[in-house]
Amino acid sequence: MAVTILRRTGIIGMAGTIAIKINGDKVDKVGSEKQVEINLPSGKAQLKVSQFGTRSNVLEINDGETIEITTPKLSNLIFLLIILFPLLTNFIPNFQYRMVSMVIYTIFALIILFGKNWYQIKKI
């Protein structure tokens, strides 16, 4: 038996593949809106996915299950803000204030990027 993993993450991370880890070991990767089948080393395992340092929750899986990788709604909003904020700084007239705001933005973006689970995995 195998586990089927479906990726339905939308725009988040669509340019790259997501690494699939079973019991902490990378076993495969899945592209945007694709699916893969993975044979488990035993009847049960722990599944986690990651991409460019972002990660997901850990899920206990069994043979024959179908798993879906999605992005929480909050991730989509944060992704949009990360993209739009640098554009909005062009409206700050003072160069020094603009640079200070970009430094604060960069620190904030890195904390959010690596401090939360960008992907959610669940059984369907």
Foldseek 3Di string as FASTA:
>chain_A
DWEKEFEAAPPVPQVDWKFKDKQRHTDDTGHHRGMDIGDDPDQKTWIKIGDPQAIEDIDIDGPPWYKYKYFDPVLVVLVVCLVCVLVVLVPVPDPVVSVVVVVVSVVVNVCVRNVDHRMYMDTD
